[in-house]
Each structure stands twice: as C-alpha cells, then as structure tokens.
Amino acid sequence: MPKVGYSEEEREQIRQMLVTTALDLMAKQGIRHTTLEQVYSAVGISRSFFYSFFATKEDLIVETLYQQQPKILAYARRLMEDPSLDWREGVRSFLSACCYGERSGIAVMTVEDQQLLFSRLSQESRRTFRQRQRQLFGQLLECFGVRASNARIDLFTNISLTAMIVRHAIPDTLPFFVPQAAEETVRFQIEAILNTLEQMRKESLQS
C-alpha cells in the first residue's frame, strides 16, 4: 500500500528529488518537451501527490532554474581556477557549456519556453525571476574579473542569452536561418562575447 503520511524531512527529500529529476530531464530534452508525468513517475509518486509540492509546471520550472544558478556559478569558478586554462579558454568553455546545455547538464530556455513562462508567471514572480537572473549574471561577471555595473550586467545577460537562444532556435523557431551555418554562428557569437568581456575586464583592471 502507498504510504499515507510523510514527515517534513521526507517531503523535503521528495521535493528535492522532483527538482533534481526535472533539471536532468530539462537539460537533456528541453524544458518544453519535459512533462510533469515524466518527472513524478521517475520519482515514483502520483500526479495528485506531485501537486502538493508544485501547483503548476511553471512553478517547477522556476524552482529548477533557481536551484541551477549556484551550480552554474560554481562551474564558472572551477574553470577560472583551473591552472590548465587561460582566462579566454575558461570563459569560452563556460559559454559553450551553456549553449550546449544538453551535453553539460544545464537547462536552457528557448524562445518558446521564455514566452510561455513569462505569460504564466505573476507580475511579482516575474520581478523576482529578473532579480535573481540579474544577480547570477552579475556574479558571473565578477567571477570573470569584470566589475559588474548595471550596464555591463544588462549587456552580458542579453548577448549570452542570445547565443543560447540561437543555438536552440535553428531551424525550427528561426526557419530562415541557414541550418548548415548554425554551429559556426554559435562559435562566432561566443568569440564576440569573449571580445566584449575581455575589453570590460581591461577597463575594470584600469579603473
């Protein structure tokens, strides 16, 4: 018979399993293609019990992305501390891992994911999401040796997300883009981001 009562500790363990499982699935197959049934079935609980933890799929997505943020920052710091990599190689490895999240276990939102999530989150939740996203990108800049001014955070956020989105948008979402040049396009974008960050880093060292 299924267990009826759970302690707070057991519930927290199950909740964490749901988030960890969701992150693994979303990183491998995309957020849009990950269903709630896949998540709660993998954890071994029922649909109704799942809803005692998360009211909607969007709530689960947001929690998953929040839990991913410190892992992304820790990964960036490991690369920066790796003695076998120079600064440019370390940042390039980080950006590439984000663009190819399915290979590195990082869940990346596509254009469709962002549109759907934005439309279903409350105004307060959107504001919180933006604040936490800004905090992450600011911490990443500092990790890369760049003084994180508001303008730099905004630019770094946009150019980084653009590269990730383009990587996942060709050819389905952007059908007039040339699929054969998709990989080269992402490499070009990463190098352009590196050039921008390198200039910011020099300015930070001089100021």
N, C-alpha and C. Protein backbone atom coordinates (compact mmCIF):
# COMPACT_ATOMS: atom_id res chain seq x y z
N MET A 1 0.84 -1.20 0.00
CA MET A 1 0.00 0.00 0.00
C MET A 1 0.87 1.25 0.00
N PRO A 2 0.45 2.29 -0.71
CA PRO A 2 1.24 3.52 -0.71
C PRO A 2 1.24 4.16 0.66
N LYS A 3 2.30 4.82 0.99
CA LYS A 3 2.44 5.47 2.28
C LYS A 3 1.48 6.65 2.38
N VAL A 4 0.83 6.79 3.52
CA VAL A 4 -0.16 7.85 3.68
C VAL A 4 0.47 9.11 4.26
N GLY A 5 1.24 8.96 5.32
CA GLY A 5 1.81 10.12 5.97
C GLY A 5 3.31 10.24 5.74
N TYR A 6 3.75 11.48 5.54
CA TYR A 6 5.18 11.76 5.33
C TYR A 6 5.62 12.82 6.32
N SER A 7 6.82 12.65 6.85
CA SER A 7 7.38 13.67 7.73
C SER A 7 7.82 14.86 6.88
N GLU A 8 8.07 15.98 7.54
CA GLU A 8 8.55 17.16 6.82
C GLU A 8 9.88 16.87 6.14
N GLU A 9 10.72 16.10 6.80
CA GLU A 9 12.02 15.75 6.21
C GLU A 9 11.85 14.91 4.96
N GLU A 10 10.92 13.95 5.01
CA GLU A 10 10.65 13.10 3.85
C GLU A 10 10.07 13.92 2.70
N ARG A 11 9.18 14.84 3.02
CA ARG A 11 8.60 15.69 1.98
C ARG A 11 9.66 16.57 1.32
N GLU A 12 10.58 17.08 2.12
CA GLU A 12 11.65 17.90 1.57
C GLU A 12 12.56 17.08 0.67
N GLN A 13 12.81 15.83 1.05
CA GLN A 13 13.62 14.94 0.22
C GLN A 13 12.94 14.67 -1.12
N ILE A 14 11.63 14.43 -1.07
CA ILE A 14 10.87 14.18 -2.31
C ILE A 14 10.86 15.42 -3.18
N ARG A 15 10.67 16.57 -2.56
CA ARG A 15 10.66 17.84 -3.31
C ARG A 15 12.00 18.05 -4.02
N GLN A 16 13.08 17.77 -3.31
CA GLN A 16 14.40 17.93 -3.91
C GLN A 16 14.61 16.94 -5.04
N MET A 17 14.08 15.72 -4.89
CA MET A 17 14.18 14.72 -5.95
C MET A 17 13.42 15.18 -7.19
N LEU A 18 12.28 15.81 -6.99
CA LEU A 18 11.50 16.32 -8.12
C LEU A 18 12.28 17.38 -8.88
N VAL A 19 12.90 18.30 -8.15
CA VAL A 19 13.67 19.37 -8.78
C VAL A 19 14.89 18.80 -9.50
N THR A 20 15.61 17.90 -8.84
CA THR A 20 16.80 17.30 -9.45
C THR A 20 16.45 16.50 -10.70
N THR A 21 15.37 15.74 -10.62
CA THR A 21 14.92 14.95 -11.78
C THR A 21 14.49 15.86 -12.91
N ALA A 22 13.74 16.90 -12.58
CA ALA A 22 13.29 17.85 -13.60
C ALA A 22 14.47 18.51 -14.29
N LEU A 23 15.48 18.91 -13.52
CA LEU A 23 16.65 19.55 -14.11
C LEU A 23 17.36 18.61 -15.06
N ASP A 24 17.51 17.35 -14.67
CA ASP A 24 18.18 16.37 -15.53
C ASP A 24 17.42 16.18 -16.83
N LEU A 25 16.10 16.05 -16.75
CA LEU A 25 15.29 15.86 -17.95
C LEU A 25 15.26 17.11 -18.82
N MET A 26 15.13 18.27 -18.20
CA MET A 26 15.07 19.51 -18.96
C MET A 26 16.38 19.81 -19.65
N ALA A 27 17.48 19.47 -19.02
CA ALA A 27 18.79 19.68 -19.65
C ALA A 27 18.97 18.77 -20.85
N LYS A 28 18.49 17.53 -20.75
CA LYS A 28 18.69 16.55 -21.82
C LYS A 28 17.74 16.74 -23.00
N GLN A 29 16.47 17.03 -22.71
CA GLN A 29 15.48 17.04 -23.78
C GLN A 29 14.76 18.37 -23.95
N GLY A 30 15.12 19.37 -23.15
CA GLY A 30 14.50 20.68 -23.27
C GLY A 30 13.35 20.84 -22.30
N ILE A 31 13.09 22.08 -21.92
CA ILE A 31 12.04 22.36 -20.95
C ILE A 31 10.66 22.06 -21.53
N ARG A 32 10.44 22.48 -22.77
CA ARG A 32 9.12 22.32 -23.40
C ARG A 32 8.75 20.85 -23.57
N HIS A 33 9.75 20.00 -23.79
CA HIS A 33 9.49 18.58 -24.05
C HIS A 33 9.52 17.73 -22.80
N THR A 34 9.72 18.34 -21.65
CA THR A 34 9.70 17.61 -20.38
C THR A 34 8.30 17.73 -19.79
N THR A 35 7.67 16.60 -19.54
CA THR A 35 6.31 16.61 -19.00
C THR A 35 6.34 16.35 -17.50
N LEU A 36 5.29 16.78 -16.84
CA LEU A 36 5.17 16.52 -15.41
C LEU A 36 5.11 15.03 -15.14
N GLU A 37 4.44 14.28 -16.01
CA GLU A 37 4.34 12.84 -15.82
C GLU A 37 5.72 12.17 -15.82
N GLN A 38 6.61 12.64 -16.71
CA GLN A 38 7.96 12.11 -16.72
C GLN A 38 8.65 12.34 -15.39
N VAL A 39 8.44 13.53 -14.83
CA VAL A 39 9.12 13.90 -13.59
C VAL A 39 8.58 13.10 -12.41
N TYR A 40 7.26 13.14 -12.18
CA TYR A 40 6.75 12.47 -10.98
C TYR A 40 6.81 10.95 -11.10
N SER A 41 6.74 10.42 -12.31
CA SER A 41 6.88 8.98 -12.49
C SER A 41 8.29 8.52 -12.17
N ALA A 42 9.28 9.32 -12.59
CA ALA A 42 10.67 8.98 -12.31
C ALA A 42 10.96 8.99 -10.81
N VAL A 43 10.29 9.88 -10.09
CA VAL A 43 10.48 9.97 -8.64
C VAL A 43 9.67 8.89 -7.92
N GLY A 44 8.63 8.39 -8.59
CA GLY A 44 7.82 7.32 -8.01
C GLY A 44 6.66 7.78 -7.17
N ILE A 45 6.10 8.94 -7.53
CA ILE A 45 4.93 9.43 -6.81
C ILE A 45 3.78 9.64 -7.79
N SER A 46 2.61 9.88 -7.26
CA SER A 46 1.43 10.07 -8.10
C SER A 46 1.31 11.52 -8.55
N ARG A 47 0.45 11.72 -9.55
CA ARG A 47 0.21 13.08 -10.05
C ARG A 47 -0.39 13.97 -8.95
N SER A 48 -1.36 13.44 -8.23
CA SER A 48 -2.00 14.24 -7.18
C SER A 48 -1.02 14.59 -6.08
N PHE A 49 -0.12 13.66 -5.74
CA PHE A 49 0.87 13.96 -4.71
C PHE A 49 1.87 15.00 -5.21
N PHE A 50 2.21 14.95 -6.50
CA PHE A 50 3.10 15.97 -7.07
C PHE A 50 2.54 17.36 -6.85
N TYR A 51 1.23 17.52 -7.04
CA TYR A 51 0.62 18.85 -6.92
C TYR A 51 0.59 19.36 -5.48
N SER A 52 0.94 18.53 -4.53
CA SER A 52 1.08 19.04 -3.17
C SER A 52 2.42 19.74 -2.97
N PHE A 53 3.31 19.61 -3.97
CA PHE A 53 4.61 20.27 -3.93
C PHE A 53 4.66 21.49 -4.87
N PHE A 54 4.10 21.31 -6.06
CA PHE A 54 4.13 22.38 -7.07
C PHE A 54 2.74 22.49 -7.69
N ALA A 55 2.21 23.71 -7.70
CA ALA A 55 0.85 23.91 -8.21
C ALA A 55 0.79 23.79 -9.73
N THR A 56 1.89 24.18 -10.42
CA THR A 56 1.91 24.16 -11.89
C THR A 56 3.28 23.73 -12.38
N LYS A 57 3.36 23.42 -13.64
CA LYS A 57 4.66 23.09 -14.25
C LYS A 57 5.58 24.31 -14.20
N GLU A 58 5.01 25.49 -14.36
CA GLU A 58 5.81 26.71 -14.34
C GLU A 58 6.48 26.91 -12.97
N ASP A 59 5.78 26.56 -11.90
CA ASP A 59 6.38 26.65 -10.56
C ASP A 59 7.58 25.72 -10.45
N LEU A 60 7.45 24.53 -11.02
CA LEU A 60 8.56 23.58 -11.01
C LEU A 60 9.72 24.10 -11.85
N ILE A 61 9.42 24.65 -13.01
CA ILE A 61 10.48 25.18 -13.89
C ILE A 61 11.27 26.27 -13.17
N VAL A 62 10.56 27.20 -12.56
CA VAL A 62 11.22 28.32 -11.89
C VAL A 62 12.11 27.79 -10.76
N GLU A 63 11.59 26.88 -9.97
CA GLU A 63 12.38 26.33 -8.86
C GLU A 63 13.60 25.59 -9.38
N THR A 64 13.44 24.88 -10.49
CA THR A 64 14.56 24.16 -11.10
C THR A 64 15.64 25.14 -11.56
N LEU A 65 15.23 26.21 -12.22
CA LEU A 65 16.19 27.21 -12.69
C LEU A 65 16.88 27.92 -11.53
N TYR A 66 16.14 28.17 -10.45
CA TYR A 66 16.76 28.79 -9.27
C TYR A 66 17.81 27.86 -8.66
N GLN A 67 17.48 26.57 -8.57
CA GLN A 67 18.41 25.61 -7.98
C GLN A 67 19.64 25.41 -8.86
N GLN A 68 19.48 25.67 -10.15
CA GLN A 68 20.59 25.50 -11.08
C GLN A 68 21.60 26.65 -10.97
N GLN A 69 21.16 27.82 -10.56
CA GLN A 69 22.01 29.00 -10.58
C GLN A 69 23.31 28.84 -9.78
N PRO A 70 23.28 28.38 -8.52
CA PRO A 70 24.56 28.23 -7.80
C PRO A 70 25.48 27.19 -8.44
N LYS A 71 24.90 26.20 -9.10
CA LYS A 71 25.72 25.19 -9.77
C LYS A 71 26.43 25.80 -10.98
N ILE A 72 25.72 26.66 -11.69
CA ILE A 72 26.33 27.34 -12.84
C ILE A 72 27.48 28.23 -12.37
N LEU A 73 27.25 28.96 -11.29
CA LEU A 73 28.29 29.84 -10.76
C LEU A 73 29.49 29.05 -10.27
N ALA A 74 29.23 27.93 -9.60
CA ALA A 74 30.33 27.09 -9.11
C ALA A 74 31.14 26.53 -10.27
N TYR A 75 30.46 26.18 -11.36
CA TYR A 75 31.15 25.66 -12.55
C TYR A 75 32.05 26.75 -13.15
N ALA A 76 31.54 27.96 -13.23
CA ALA A 76 32.35 29.07 -13.77
C ALA A 76 33.58 29.29 -12.90
N ARG A 77 33.42 29.23 -11.59
CA ARG A 77 34.56 29.44 -10.69
C ARG A 77 35.60 28.34 -10.84
N ARG A 78 35.15 27.10 -11.03
CA ARG A 78 36.10 26.00 -11.23
C ARG A 78 36.93 26.23 -12.48
N LEU A 79 36.28 26.69 -13.54
CA LEU A 79 37.00 26.96 -14.78
C LEU A 79 38.02 28.08 -14.60
N MET A 80 37.62 29.12 -13.87
CA MET A 80 38.53 30.25 -13.65
C MET A 80 39.72 29.86 -12.78
N GLU A 81 39.54 28.85 -11.94
CA GLU A 81 40.61 28.41 -11.05
C GLU A 81 41.45 27.28 -11.65
N ASP A 82 41.04 26.79 -12.82
CA ASP A 82 41.76 25.69 -13.46
C ASP A 82 43.09 26.19 -14.01
N PRO A 83 44.22 25.71 -13.48
CA PRO A 83 45.53 26.22 -13.93
C PRO A 83 45.88 25.83 -15.36
N SER A 84 45.17 24.85 -15.90
CA SER A 84 45.46 24.42 -17.28
C SER A 84 44.79 25.30 -18.32
N LEU A 85 43.90 26.21 -17.87
CA LEU A 85 43.17 27.08 -18.79
C LEU A 85 43.56 28.53 -18.58
N ASP A 86 43.77 29.25 -19.67
CA ASP A 86 43.94 30.70 -19.51
C ASP A 86 42.55 31.33 -19.42
N TRP A 87 42.49 32.64 -19.18
CA TRP A 87 41.21 33.30 -18.97
C TRP A 87 40.25 33.08 -20.13
N ARG A 88 40.73 33.28 -21.33
CA ARG A 88 39.86 33.18 -22.50
C ARG A 88 39.35 31.75 -22.70
N GLU A 89 40.20 30.78 -22.48
CA GLU A 89 39.79 29.38 -22.63
C GLU A 89 38.74 29.01 -21.58
N GLY A 90 38.93 29.51 -20.37
CA GLY A 90 37.97 29.20 -19.31
C GLY A 90 36.60 29.78 -19.58
N VAL A 91 36.56 31.05 -20.00
CA VAL A 91 35.27 31.68 -20.28
C VAL A 91 34.63 31.05 -21.51
N ARG A 92 35.44 30.73 -22.51
CA ARG A 92 34.91 30.06 -23.70
C ARG A 92 34.27 28.72 -23.34
N SER A 93 34.93 27.96 -22.49
CA SER A 93 34.39 26.67 -22.07
C SER A 93 33.06 26.85 -21.35
N PHE A 94 32.96 27.89 -20.53
CA PHE A 94 31.72 28.15 -19.81
C PHE A 94 30.59 28.51 -20.78
N LEU A 95 30.85 29.43 -21.68
CA LEU A 95 29.81 29.86 -22.64
C LEU A 95 29.37 28.71 -23.53
N SER A 96 30.32 27.90 -23.95
CA SER A 96 29.99 26.74 -24.79
C SER A 96 29.13 25.75 -24.02
N ALA A 97 29.45 25.52 -22.75
CA ALA A 97 28.67 24.59 -21.93
C ALA A 97 27.23 25.08 -21.78
N CYS A 98 27.05 26.39 -21.67
CA CYS A 98 25.71 26.95 -21.56
C CYS A 98 24.94 26.83 -22.87
N CYS A 99 25.61 27.08 -23.98
CA CYS A 99 24.94 26.98 -25.28
C CYS A 99 24.57 25.54 -25.61
N TYR A 100 25.40 24.60 -25.18
CA TYR A 100 25.15 23.18 -25.43
C TYR A 100 24.78 22.50 -24.11
N GLY A 101 23.72 23.01 -23.50
CA GLY A 101 23.32 22.54 -22.18
C GLY A 101 23.02 21.07 -22.10
N GLU A 102 22.53 20.49 -23.19
CA GLU A 102 22.19 19.07 -23.17
C GLU A 102 23.43 18.20 -22.96
N ARG A 103 24.60 18.73 -23.28
CA ARG A 103 25.85 17.98 -23.09
C ARG A 103 26.42 18.18 -21.70
N SER A 104 26.10 19.30 -21.08
CA SER A 104 26.73 19.66 -19.81
C SER A 104 25.77 19.65 -18.63
N GLY A 105 24.51 19.26 -18.86
CA GLY A 105 23.55 19.18 -17.77
C GLY A 105 22.97 20.52 -17.34
N ILE A 106 22.98 21.49 -18.25
CA ILE A 106 22.43 22.82 -17.96
C ILE A 106 21.12 23.00 -18.72
N ALA A 107 20.05 23.30 -18.01
CA ALA A 107 18.76 23.54 -18.66
C ALA A 107 18.75 24.95 -19.24
N VAL A 108 18.42 25.06 -20.52
CA VAL A 108 18.42 26.34 -21.23
C VAL A 108 17.02 26.62 -21.75
N MET A 109 16.53 27.83 -21.53
CA MET A 109 15.21 28.19 -22.03
C MET A 109 15.27 28.64 -23.48
N THR A 110 14.40 28.08 -24.30
CA THR A 110 14.26 28.52 -25.69
C THR A 110 13.35 29.74 -25.74
N VAL A 111 13.17 30.29 -26.93
CA VAL A 111 12.25 31.41 -27.09
C VAL A 111 10.85 31.02 -26.63
N GLU A 112 10.41 29.83 -27.06
CA GLU A 112 9.07 29.37 -26.69
C GLU A 112 8.94 29.18 -25.18
N ASP A 113 9.99 28.64 -24.56
CA ASP A 113 9.97 28.46 -23.10
C ASP A 113 9.82 29.80 -22.39
N GLN A 114 10.59 30.79 -22.84
CA GLN A 114 10.55 32.10 -22.20
C GLN A 114 9.18 32.76 -22.37
N GLN A 115 8.64 32.66 -23.58
CA GLN A 115 7.33 33.27 -23.83
C GLN A 115 6.25 32.64 -22.96
N LEU A 116 6.26 31.31 -22.87
CA LEU A 116 5.25 30.62 -22.08
C LEU A 116 5.40 30.91 -20.60
N LEU A 117 6.63 30.86 -20.12
CA LEU A 117 6.87 31.12 -18.71
C LEU A 117 6.47 32.55 -18.34
N PHE A 118 6.85 33.51 -19.18
CA PHE A 118 6.54 34.91 -18.92
C PHE A 118 5.03 35.13 -18.88
N SER A 119 4.31 34.46 -19.76
CA SER A 119 2.86 34.67 -19.84
C SER A 119 2.11 34.08 -18.65
N ARG A 120 2.71 33.09 -17.99
CA ARG A 120 2.01 32.39 -16.92
C ARG A 120 2.47 32.76 -15.51
N LEU A 121 3.57 33.49 -15.41
CA LEU A 121 4.03 33.92 -14.10
C LEU A 121 3.31 35.20 -13.68
N SER A 122 3.10 35.34 -12.39
CA SER A 122 2.53 36.58 -11.88
C SER A 122 3.56 37.70 -12.03
N GLN A 123 3.10 38.93 -11.91
CA GLN A 123 3.99 40.08 -12.03
C GLN A 123 5.09 40.03 -10.97
N GLU A 124 4.71 39.63 -9.78
CA GLU A 124 5.68 39.53 -8.69
C GLU A 124 6.72 38.44 -8.98
N SER A 125 6.25 37.30 -9.51
CA SER A 125 7.17 36.21 -9.83
C SER A 125 8.12 36.60 -10.95
N ARG A 126 7.61 37.35 -11.92
CA ARG A 126 8.48 37.84 -13.00
C ARG A 126 9.56 38.75 -12.44
N ARG A 127 9.16 39.62 -11.54
CA ARG A 127 10.11 40.57 -10.95
C ARG A 127 11.19 39.82 -10.16
N THR A 128 10.75 38.83 -9.39
CA THR A 128 11.71 38.03 -8.62
C THR A 128 12.66 37.27 -9.55
N PHE A 129 12.10 36.72 -10.62
CA PHE A 129 12.93 35.97 -11.57
C PHE A 129 13.98 36.88 -12.19
N ARG A 130 13.57 38.07 -12.60
CA ARG A 130 14.52 39.01 -13.19
C ARG A 130 15.60 39.42 -12.20
N GLN A 131 15.22 39.62 -10.95
CA GLN A 131 16.20 40.00 -9.93
C GLN A 131 17.23 38.90 -9.72
N ARG A 132 16.76 37.67 -9.65
CA ARG A 132 17.68 36.56 -9.42
C ARG A 132 18.55 36.30 -10.65
N GLN A 133 17.98 36.51 -11.83
CA GLN A 133 18.76 36.38 -13.05
C GLN A 133 19.85 37.45 -13.10
N ARG A 134 19.50 38.67 -12.74
CA ARG A 134 20.46 39.77 -12.72
C ARG A 134 21.58 39.48 -11.72
N GLN A 135 21.21 38.95 -10.57
CA GLN A 135 22.21 38.62 -9.56
C GLN A 135 23.19 37.58 -10.09
N LEU A 136 22.67 36.55 -10.76
CA LEU A 136 23.53 35.49 -11.31
C LEU A 136 24.51 36.05 -12.33
N PHE A 137 24.01 36.84 -13.28
CA PHE A 137 24.88 37.35 -14.32
C PHE A 137 25.90 38.35 -13.75
N GLY A 138 25.51 39.07 -12.71
CA GLY A 138 26.47 39.95 -12.05
C GLY A 138 27.57 39.16 -11.37
N GLN A 139 27.20 38.07 -10.71
CA GLN A 139 28.20 37.22 -10.05
C GLN A 139 29.12 36.56 -11.07
N LEU A 140 28.58 36.21 -12.21
CA LEU A 140 29.41 35.62 -13.27
C LEU A 140 30.44 36.63 -13.77
N LEU A 141 30.00 37.86 -13.97
CA LEU A 141 30.94 38.89 -14.41
C LEU A 141 32.07 39.06 -13.40
N GLU A 142 31.73 39.13 -12.13
CA GLU A 142 32.75 39.28 -11.09
C GLU A 142 33.69 38.08 -11.10
N CYS A 143 33.12 36.89 -11.32
CA CYS A 143 33.93 35.67 -11.41
C CYS A 143 34.93 35.77 -12.56
N PHE A 144 34.53 36.43 -13.65
CA PHE A 144 35.40 36.58 -14.82
C PHE A 144 36.33 37.79 -14.71
N GLY A 145 36.31 38.44 -13.56
CA GLY A 145 37.20 39.57 -13.35
C GLY A 145 36.70 40.88 -13.92
N VAL A 146 35.39 40.97 -14.11
CA VAL A 146 34.77 42.18 -14.67
C VAL A 146 33.94 42.86 -13.59
N ARG A 147 34.17 44.14 -13.38
CA ARG A 147 33.36 44.89 -12.42
C ARG A 147 31.92 44.95 -12.93
N ALA A 148 30.99 44.50 -12.11
CA ALA A 148 29.61 44.29 -12.57
C ALA A 148 28.75 45.52 -12.38
N SER A 149 28.88 46.49 -13.27
CA SER A 149 27.97 47.63 -13.27
C SER A 149 26.63 47.20 -13.87
N ASN A 150 25.61 47.99 -13.65
CA ASN A 150 24.28 47.65 -14.19
C ASN A 150 24.30 47.52 -15.71
N ALA A 151 24.98 48.44 -16.37
CA ALA A 151 25.03 48.41 -17.84
C ALA A 151 25.74 47.15 -18.33
N ARG A 152 26.80 46.77 -17.65
CA ARG A 152 27.54 45.57 -18.06
C ARG A 152 26.73 44.30 -17.82
N ILE A 153 26.03 44.26 -16.70
CA ILE A 153 25.17 43.10 -16.42
C ILE A 153 24.10 42.96 -17.49
N ASP A 154 23.46 44.08 -17.82
CA ASP A 154 22.39 44.05 -18.83
C ASP A 154 22.92 43.56 -20.17
N LEU A 155 24.06 44.08 -20.60
CA LEU A 155 24.62 43.69 -21.89
C LEU A 155 25.03 42.23 -21.87
N PHE A 156 25.72 41.81 -20.83
CA PHE A 156 26.19 40.42 -20.73
C PHE A 156 25.01 39.46 -20.72
N THR A 157 23.95 39.82 -20.02
CA THR A 157 22.74 38.98 -20.00
C THR A 157 22.19 38.80 -21.41
N ASN A 158 22.02 39.90 -22.11
CA ASN A 158 21.40 39.83 -23.44
C ASN A 158 22.26 39.08 -24.47
N ILE A 159 23.56 39.37 -24.49
CA ILE A 159 24.39 38.73 -25.51
C ILE A 159 24.60 37.24 -25.20
N SER A 160 24.61 36.89 -23.92
CA SER A 160 24.75 35.48 -23.56
C SER A 160 23.49 34.70 -23.90
N LEU A 161 22.33 35.24 -23.51
CA LEU A 161 21.07 34.56 -23.80
C LEU A 161 20.81 34.48 -25.29
N THR A 162 21.25 35.50 -26.04
CA THR A 162 21.09 35.46 -27.50
C THR A 162 21.81 34.27 -28.11
N ALA A 163 23.04 34.04 -27.67
CA ALA A 163 23.81 32.91 -28.19
C ALA A 163 23.12 31.59 -27.85
N MET A 164 22.62 31.46 -26.63
CA MET A 164 21.94 30.23 -26.22
C MET A 164 20.65 30.02 -27.00
N ILE A 165 19.91 31.11 -27.20
CA ILE A 165 18.64 31.01 -27.92
C ILE A 165 18.86 30.62 -29.37
N VAL A 166 19.81 31.27 -30.03
CA VAL A 166 20.09 30.96 -31.43
C VAL A 166 20.50 29.50 -31.58
N ARG A 167 21.31 29.03 -30.64
CA ARG A 167 21.76 27.63 -30.69
C ARG A 167 20.58 26.67 -30.72
N HIS A 168 19.52 26.99 -29.98
CA HIS A 168 18.37 26.08 -29.88
C HIS A 168 17.23 26.45 -30.83
N ALA A 169 17.35 27.56 -31.55
CA ALA A 169 16.23 28.03 -32.38
C ALA A 169 16.35 27.64 -33.85
N ILE A 170 17.56 27.28 -34.29
CA ILE A 170 17.76 26.91 -35.70
C ILE A 170 17.58 25.40 -35.86
N PRO A 171 16.72 24.95 -36.79
CA PRO A 171 15.95 25.73 -37.76
C PRO A 171 14.48 25.91 -37.40
N ASP A 172 14.01 25.29 -36.32
CA ASP A 172 12.57 25.24 -36.06
C ASP A 172 11.95 26.60 -35.78
N THR A 173 12.55 27.38 -34.86
CA THR A 173 11.98 28.67 -34.50
C THR A 173 12.41 29.77 -35.45
N LEU A 174 13.61 29.60 -36.02
CA LEU A 174 14.14 30.59 -36.97
C LEU A 174 14.36 29.90 -38.32
N PRO A 175 13.29 29.62 -39.04
CA PRO A 175 13.39 28.79 -40.24
C PRO A 175 14.16 29.43 -41.40
N PHE A 176 14.32 30.76 -41.40
CA PHE A 176 15.06 31.39 -42.48
C PHE A 176 16.55 31.51 -42.19
N PHE A 177 16.96 31.11 -40.98
CA PHE A 177 18.38 30.99 -40.71
C PHE A 177 18.90 29.74 -41.41
N VAL A 178 20.17 29.75 -41.76
CA VAL A 178 20.76 28.63 -42.51
C VAL A 178 21.23 27.56 -41.52
N PRO A 179 20.62 26.39 -41.51
CA PRO A 179 21.00 25.34 -40.55
C PRO A 179 22.46 24.91 -40.67
N GLN A 180 22.98 24.89 -41.89
CA GLN A 180 24.35 24.43 -42.10
C GLN A 180 25.37 25.33 -41.41
N ALA A 181 24.99 26.57 -41.15
CA ALA A 181 25.92 27.51 -40.52
C ALA A 181 25.62 27.72 -39.03
N ALA A 182 24.74 26.90 -38.46
CA ALA A 182 24.32 27.09 -37.08
C ALA A 182 25.49 26.99 -36.10
N GLU A 183 26.30 25.95 -36.25
CA GLU A 183 27.41 25.74 -35.32
C GLU A 183 28.42 26.88 -35.42
N GLU A 184 28.72 27.28 -36.65
CA GLU A 184 29.67 28.37 -36.86
C GLU A 184 29.13 29.69 -36.32
N THR A 185 27.81 29.86 -36.44
CA THR A 185 27.18 31.06 -35.90
C THR A 185 27.35 31.15 -34.39
N VAL A 186 27.15 30.03 -33.71
CA VAL A 186 27.31 30.00 -32.26
C VAL A 186 28.77 30.26 -31.88
N ARG A 187 29.70 29.67 -32.62
CA ARG A 187 31.12 29.92 -32.33
C ARG A 187 31.46 31.39 -32.51
N PHE A 188 30.91 32.00 -33.56
CA PHE A 188 31.14 33.43 -33.81
C PHE A 188 30.59 34.26 -32.65
N GLN A 189 29.39 33.92 -32.20
CA GLN A 189 28.78 34.67 -31.09
C GLN A 189 29.61 34.55 -29.82
N ILE A 190 30.08 33.35 -29.54
CA ILE A 190 30.89 33.14 -28.34
C ILE A 190 32.17 33.96 -28.40
N GLU A 191 32.82 33.98 -29.56
CA GLU A 191 34.04 34.77 -29.70
C GLU A 191 33.75 36.26 -29.55
N ALA A 192 32.61 36.70 -30.06
CA ALA A 192 32.23 38.11 -29.92
C ALA A 192 31.98 38.45 -28.45
N ILE A 193 31.33 37.55 -27.73
CA ILE A 193 31.10 37.76 -26.30
C ILE A 193 32.44 37.82 -25.56
N LEU A 194 33.35 36.92 -25.92
CA LEU A 194 34.67 36.91 -25.30
C LEU A 194 35.40 38.24 -25.52
N ASN A 195 35.33 38.74 -26.74
CA ASN A 195 35.98 40.03 -27.03
C ASN A 195 35.40 41.15 -26.18
N THR A 196 34.07 41.14 -26.04
CA THR A 196 33.41 42.17 -25.23
C THR A 196 33.81 42.05 -23.76
N LEU A 197 33.80 40.83 -23.24
CA LEU A 197 34.16 40.62 -21.84
C LEU A 197 35.63 40.97 -21.60
N GLU A 198 36.48 40.65 -22.56
CA GLU A 198 37.90 40.95 -22.42
C GLU A 198 38.13 42.46 -22.32
N GLN A 199 37.39 43.22 -23.12
CA GLN A 199 37.50 44.68 -23.06
C GLN A 199 36.98 45.20 -21.71
N MET A 200 35.86 44.64 -21.26
CA MET A 200 35.32 45.03 -19.96
C MET A 200 36.32 44.73 -18.85
N ARG A 201 36.98 43.58 -18.96
CA ARG A 201 37.96 43.17 -17.95
C ARG A 201 39.14 44.13 -17.91
N LYS A 202 39.61 44.55 -19.07
CA LYS A 202 40.71 45.50 -19.12
C LYS A 202 40.31 46.82 -18.50
N GLU A 203 39.10 47.26 -18.79
CA GLU A 203 38.60 48.51 -18.22
C GLU A 203 38.47 48.41 -16.71
N SER A 204 38.05 47.23 -16.22
CA SER A 204 37.90 47.01 -14.78
C SER A 204 39.27 47.06 -14.09
N LEU A 205 40.27 46.50 -14.73
CA LEU A 205 41.61 46.49 -14.14
C LEU A 205 42.23 47.88 -14.12
N GLN A 206 41.85 48.71 -15.08
CA GLN A 206 42.40 50.05 -15.19
C GLN A 206 41.72 51.04 -14.25
N SER A 207 40.48 50.73 -13.89
CA SER A 207 39.71 51.68 -13.06
C SER A 207 39.99 51.50 -11.56
